[in-house]
N, C-alpha and C. Protein backbone atom coordinates (compact mmCIF):
# COMPACT_ATOMS: atom_id res chain seq x y z
N MET A 1 147.25 128.19 112.06
CA MET A 1 146.86 127.09 111.22
C MET A 1 145.33 127.10 111.06
N ILE A 2 144.88 126.96 109.85
CA ILE A 2 143.44 126.98 109.56
C ILE A 2 142.93 125.54 109.58
N PRO A 3 141.87 125.28 110.37
CA PRO A 3 141.33 123.91 110.41
C PRO A 3 140.65 123.58 109.08
N PRO A 4 140.61 122.29 108.74
CA PRO A 4 139.94 121.90 107.49
C PRO A 4 138.45 122.23 107.57
N PRO A 5 137.83 122.50 106.43
CA PRO A 5 136.40 122.82 106.46
C PRO A 5 135.59 121.62 106.94
N LEU A 6 134.52 121.94 107.65
CA LEU A 6 133.62 120.87 108.09
C LEU A 6 132.71 120.49 106.94
N LEU A 7 132.64 119.23 106.71
CA LEU A 7 131.78 118.74 105.64
C LEU A 7 130.49 118.22 106.25
N PRO A 8 129.37 118.47 105.58
CA PRO A 8 128.12 117.94 106.12
C PRO A 8 128.12 116.42 106.03
N PRO A 9 127.38 115.77 106.91
CA PRO A 9 127.32 114.31 106.83
C PRO A 9 126.69 113.90 105.50
N PRO A 10 127.05 112.72 105.00
CA PRO A 10 126.46 112.29 103.74
C PRO A 10 124.94 112.15 103.88
N LEU A 11 124.24 112.44 102.80
CA LEU A 11 122.78 112.30 102.83
C LEU A 11 122.40 110.83 102.86
N VAL A 12 121.59 110.48 103.80
CA VAL A 12 121.12 109.10 103.92
C VAL A 12 119.61 109.16 103.97
N GLY A 13 118.97 108.44 103.10
CA GLY A 13 117.51 108.42 103.08
C GLY A 13 116.97 107.56 104.20
N PRO A 14 115.69 107.61 104.41
CA PRO A 14 115.08 106.77 105.43
C PRO A 14 115.26 105.30 105.07
N ARG A 15 115.34 104.47 106.07
CA ARG A 15 115.45 103.04 105.85
C ARG A 15 114.19 102.39 106.40
N ALA A 16 113.61 101.54 105.60
CA ALA A 16 112.38 100.88 106.02
C ALA A 16 112.24 99.56 105.28
N THR A 17 111.39 98.73 105.79
CA THR A 17 110.99 97.52 105.09
C THR A 17 109.54 97.71 104.67
N ILE A 18 109.26 97.46 103.41
CA ILE A 18 107.88 97.52 102.92
C ILE A 18 107.39 96.09 102.82
N GLU A 19 106.44 95.74 103.68
CA GLU A 19 105.86 94.40 103.70
C GLU A 19 104.73 94.37 102.67
N VAL A 20 104.89 93.56 101.64
CA VAL A 20 103.94 93.50 100.54
C VAL A 20 103.02 92.30 100.74
N SER A 21 101.72 92.55 100.90
CA SER A 21 100.71 91.49 101.02
C SER A 21 99.87 91.52 99.75
N LEU A 22 99.96 90.47 98.95
CA LEU A 22 99.31 90.42 97.64
C LEU A 22 97.93 89.77 97.71
N PRO A 23 97.10 90.00 96.68
CA PRO A 23 95.74 89.47 96.67
C PRO A 23 95.67 87.94 96.77
N ASP A 24 96.72 87.23 96.31
CA ASP A 24 96.71 85.77 96.36
C ASP A 24 97.10 85.22 97.74
N GLY A 25 97.33 86.12 98.70
CA GLY A 25 97.68 85.71 100.05
C GLY A 25 99.18 85.63 100.31
N SER A 26 99.98 85.78 99.29
CA SER A 26 101.43 85.71 99.48
C SER A 26 101.95 87.03 100.06
N ARG A 27 103.10 86.93 100.70
CA ARG A 27 103.74 88.11 101.31
C ARG A 27 105.23 88.05 101.04
N HIS A 28 105.82 89.24 100.89
CA HIS A 28 107.27 89.36 100.83
C HIS A 28 107.67 90.76 101.24
N ASP A 29 108.94 90.91 101.57
CA ASP A 29 109.46 92.20 102.03
C ASP A 29 110.34 92.83 100.96
N VAL A 30 110.27 94.15 100.87
CA VAL A 30 111.14 94.92 100.00
C VAL A 30 111.86 95.93 100.88
N GLU A 31 113.18 95.94 100.80
CA GLU A 31 113.98 96.86 101.61
C GLU A 31 114.03 98.21 100.90
N PHE A 32 113.73 99.28 101.65
CA PHE A 32 113.81 100.64 101.11
C PHE A 32 115.01 101.30 101.75
N ASP A 33 115.95 101.77 100.91
CA ASP A 33 117.18 102.37 101.43
C ASP A 33 117.33 103.84 101.04
N GLY A 34 116.24 104.44 100.56
CA GLY A 34 116.30 105.84 100.18
C GLY A 34 116.24 106.07 98.69
N THR A 35 116.43 105.02 97.91
CA THR A 35 116.30 105.16 96.45
C THR A 35 114.87 104.84 96.05
N MET A 36 114.46 105.29 94.88
CA MET A 36 113.08 105.13 94.44
C MET A 36 112.70 103.65 94.29
N VAL A 37 111.49 103.32 94.72
CA VAL A 37 110.91 101.99 94.54
C VAL A 37 109.58 102.19 93.82
N SER A 38 109.45 101.63 92.62
CA SER A 38 108.21 101.77 91.85
C SER A 38 107.29 100.59 92.14
N VAL A 39 105.98 100.85 92.01
CA VAL A 39 104.99 99.82 92.29
C VAL A 39 103.88 99.89 91.24
N GLY A 40 103.44 98.72 90.78
CA GLY A 40 102.36 98.67 89.80
C GLY A 40 102.20 97.28 89.22
N ARG A 41 101.31 97.16 88.28
CA ARG A 41 101.02 95.88 87.64
C ARG A 41 102.08 95.50 86.61
N GLY A 42 102.75 96.48 86.02
CA GLY A 42 103.76 96.22 85.00
C GLY A 42 104.97 95.50 85.57
N THR A 43 105.52 94.58 84.78
CA THR A 43 106.65 93.77 85.26
C THR A 43 107.95 94.57 85.38
N ASP A 44 107.97 95.81 84.90
CA ASP A 44 109.16 96.64 85.03
C ASP A 44 109.21 97.40 86.35
N ASN A 45 108.26 97.17 87.25
CA ASN A 45 108.25 97.82 88.57
C ASN A 45 109.10 97.03 89.56
N ASP A 46 109.54 97.70 90.62
CA ASP A 46 110.28 97.03 91.69
C ASP A 46 109.34 96.14 92.51
N ILE A 47 108.11 96.61 92.71
CA ILE A 47 107.07 95.81 93.38
C ILE A 47 105.97 95.59 92.35
N VAL A 48 105.79 94.34 91.94
CA VAL A 48 104.79 94.00 90.93
C VAL A 48 103.56 93.42 91.63
N ILE A 49 102.40 94.00 91.33
CA ILE A 49 101.14 93.55 91.92
C ILE A 49 100.22 93.10 90.79
N ALA A 50 99.99 91.81 90.73
CA ALA A 50 99.13 91.23 89.69
C ALA A 50 97.67 91.37 90.13
N ASP A 51 97.11 92.54 89.90
CA ASP A 51 95.73 92.84 90.28
C ASP A 51 95.20 93.82 89.24
N GLU A 52 94.07 93.47 88.61
CA GLU A 52 93.52 94.32 87.56
C GLU A 52 93.11 95.71 88.06
N ARG A 53 93.00 95.89 89.37
CA ARG A 53 92.65 97.19 89.94
C ARG A 53 93.87 98.11 90.11
N VAL A 54 95.05 97.55 89.83
CA VAL A 54 96.30 98.30 89.99
C VAL A 54 96.78 98.71 88.60
N SER A 55 97.15 99.97 88.44
CA SER A 55 97.65 100.48 87.15
C SER A 55 99.04 99.92 86.87
N ARG A 56 99.43 99.94 85.58
CA ARG A 56 100.76 99.44 85.20
C ARG A 56 101.86 100.15 85.96
N HIS A 57 101.77 101.44 86.09
CA HIS A 57 102.72 102.24 86.88
C HIS A 57 101.88 103.04 87.88
N HIS A 58 101.59 102.42 88.99
CA HIS A 58 100.61 102.94 89.95
C HIS A 58 101.19 104.02 90.87
N GLY A 59 102.34 103.75 91.45
CA GLY A 59 102.90 104.69 92.41
C GLY A 59 104.38 104.47 92.63
N ARG A 60 104.95 105.27 93.55
CA ARG A 60 106.37 105.09 93.87
C ARG A 60 106.65 105.58 95.28
N PHE A 61 107.64 104.95 95.89
CA PHE A 61 108.17 105.34 97.19
C PHE A 61 109.48 106.07 96.94
N THR A 62 109.66 107.21 97.58
CA THR A 62 110.90 107.97 97.47
C THR A 62 111.26 108.51 98.85
N ALA A 63 112.46 109.08 98.93
CA ALA A 63 112.89 109.76 100.15
C ALA A 63 112.89 111.25 99.89
N ARG A 64 112.37 112.00 100.84
CA ARG A 64 112.38 113.45 100.72
C ARG A 64 112.61 114.05 102.11
N HIS A 65 113.69 114.79 102.25
CA HIS A 65 114.03 115.44 103.52
C HIS A 65 114.06 114.42 104.66
N GLY A 66 114.61 113.24 104.40
CA GLY A 66 114.73 112.22 105.43
C GLY A 66 113.46 111.48 105.76
N THR A 67 112.44 111.62 104.92
CA THR A 67 111.14 111.00 105.16
C THR A 67 110.76 110.11 103.99
N LEU A 68 110.12 108.99 104.29
CA LEU A 68 109.61 108.10 103.25
C LEU A 68 108.31 108.69 102.71
N VAL A 69 108.23 108.87 101.40
CA VAL A 69 107.07 109.49 100.77
C VAL A 69 106.51 108.54 99.72
N TYR A 70 105.18 108.37 99.71
CA TYR A 70 104.50 107.61 98.66
C TYR A 70 103.78 108.60 97.76
N THR A 71 103.91 108.39 96.44
CA THR A 71 103.23 109.23 95.45
C THR A 71 102.43 108.34 94.51
N ASP A 72 101.14 108.63 94.37
CA ASP A 72 100.31 107.97 93.38
C ASP A 72 100.59 108.65 92.04
N LEU A 73 100.82 107.87 91.01
CA LEU A 73 101.21 108.43 89.71
C LEU A 73 100.01 108.66 88.78
N GLY A 74 98.88 109.04 89.35
CA GLY A 74 97.69 109.29 88.54
C GLY A 74 96.97 108.01 88.17
N SER A 75 97.04 107.01 89.04
CA SER A 75 96.41 105.72 88.77
C SER A 75 94.90 105.87 88.62
N THR A 76 94.31 104.94 87.92
CA THR A 76 92.87 104.97 87.69
C THR A 76 92.07 104.78 88.98
N ASN A 77 92.44 103.78 89.80
CA ASN A 77 91.68 103.46 91.00
C ASN A 77 92.25 104.07 92.28
N GLY A 78 93.36 104.75 92.18
CA GLY A 78 93.90 105.47 93.32
C GLY A 78 94.63 104.61 94.33
N SER A 79 95.16 105.29 95.34
CA SER A 79 95.88 104.68 96.46
C SER A 79 95.26 105.22 97.74
N GLN A 80 95.20 104.37 98.76
CA GLN A 80 94.61 104.79 100.03
C GLN A 80 95.57 104.54 101.19
N VAL A 81 95.55 105.46 102.14
CA VAL A 81 96.26 105.29 103.41
C VAL A 81 95.25 105.66 104.49
N GLY A 82 95.02 104.74 105.41
CA GLY A 82 94.05 105.00 106.48
C GLY A 82 92.64 105.18 105.95
N GLY A 83 92.32 104.52 104.83
CA GLY A 83 90.98 104.62 104.26
C GLY A 83 90.71 105.89 103.47
N VAL A 84 91.74 106.73 103.30
CA VAL A 84 91.60 107.99 102.59
C VAL A 84 92.43 107.94 101.31
N ARG A 85 91.82 108.33 100.20
CA ARG A 85 92.54 108.36 98.93
C ARG A 85 93.61 109.45 98.99
N VAL A 86 94.82 109.09 98.57
CA VAL A 86 95.94 110.04 98.63
C VAL A 86 96.61 110.16 97.27
N ARG A 87 97.15 111.34 97.04
CA ARG A 87 97.99 111.55 95.86
C ARG A 87 99.45 111.47 96.26
N GLU A 88 99.77 112.07 97.41
CA GLU A 88 101.13 112.02 97.94
C GLU A 88 101.05 112.14 99.45
N ILE A 89 101.89 111.34 100.15
CA ILE A 89 101.81 111.34 101.61
C ILE A 89 103.14 110.91 102.21
N ALA A 90 103.53 111.56 103.30
CA ALA A 90 104.69 111.14 104.09
C ALA A 90 104.24 109.97 104.96
N LEU A 91 105.06 108.93 105.02
CA LEU A 91 104.69 107.71 105.73
C LEU A 91 105.57 107.48 106.95
N GLY A 92 105.00 106.79 107.93
CA GLY A 92 105.74 106.39 109.12
C GLY A 92 105.52 104.91 109.38
N ALA A 93 106.21 104.40 110.38
CA ALA A 93 106.10 102.99 110.74
C ALA A 93 104.65 102.61 111.01
N GLY A 94 104.23 101.51 110.42
CA GLY A 94 102.87 101.01 110.61
C GLY A 94 101.86 101.51 109.60
N ASP A 95 102.20 102.53 108.83
CA ASP A 95 101.26 103.01 107.80
C ASP A 95 101.07 101.95 106.72
N VAL A 96 99.85 101.85 106.22
CA VAL A 96 99.51 100.86 105.19
C VAL A 96 99.00 101.59 103.96
N VAL A 97 99.67 101.35 102.83
CA VAL A 97 99.24 101.89 101.54
C VAL A 97 98.46 100.77 100.85
N ARG A 98 97.22 101.06 100.44
CA ARG A 98 96.39 100.05 99.76
C ARG A 98 96.25 100.40 98.29
N LEU A 99 96.57 99.41 97.45
CA LEU A 99 96.45 99.53 96.00
C LEU A 99 95.62 98.33 95.55
N GLY A 100 94.44 98.56 95.03
CA GLY A 100 93.59 97.43 94.68
C GLY A 100 93.37 96.58 95.91
N ARG A 101 93.66 95.27 95.78
CA ARG A 101 93.50 94.36 96.93
C ARG A 101 94.83 94.09 97.63
N ALA A 102 95.87 94.81 97.28
CA ALA A 102 97.19 94.64 97.92
C ALA A 102 97.37 95.66 99.04
N ALA A 103 98.17 95.28 100.03
CA ALA A 103 98.51 96.17 101.15
C ALA A 103 100.02 96.23 101.28
N LEU A 104 100.55 97.45 101.36
CA LEU A 104 101.98 97.68 101.52
C LEU A 104 102.18 98.35 102.87
N THR A 105 102.74 97.63 103.83
CA THR A 105 102.89 98.11 105.20
C THR A 105 104.32 98.54 105.46
N VAL A 106 104.49 99.72 106.01
CA VAL A 106 105.82 100.27 106.31
C VAL A 106 106.26 99.75 107.69
N ARG A 107 107.43 99.13 107.71
CA ARG A 107 108.03 98.62 108.95
C ARG A 107 109.37 99.30 109.15
N PRO A 108 109.72 99.66 110.38
CA PRO A 108 111.03 100.29 110.61
C PRO A 108 112.16 99.28 110.38
N ARG A 109 113.30 99.82 109.99
CA ARG A 109 114.49 99.01 109.79
C ARG A 109 115.67 99.76 110.39
N ALA A 110 116.50 99.06 111.10
CA ALA A 110 117.67 99.71 111.73
C ALA A 110 118.70 100.10 110.70
């Protein structure tokens, strides 16, 4: 008797909470489950930041090889992590992405 073929486990992206701190002092959380999350000034983004220093389509969070990745989409004023301007970066718990006067902090999620 031939055993059934082994199937790889389903692909699951990283899970995280993105804590959004806006220039007006407000805060809210966005759950990241492995699907793309867009960020920018435009109202069609998943995370909307009302700050003139933030481009309409500033950046995006995606999953790549089980890792949370932030990509700047060629914004005018750029994105920073750890005080360094980045185009694309793998993120871990506690990392802070700064866009204009907003801060997006990565928190682990079970």
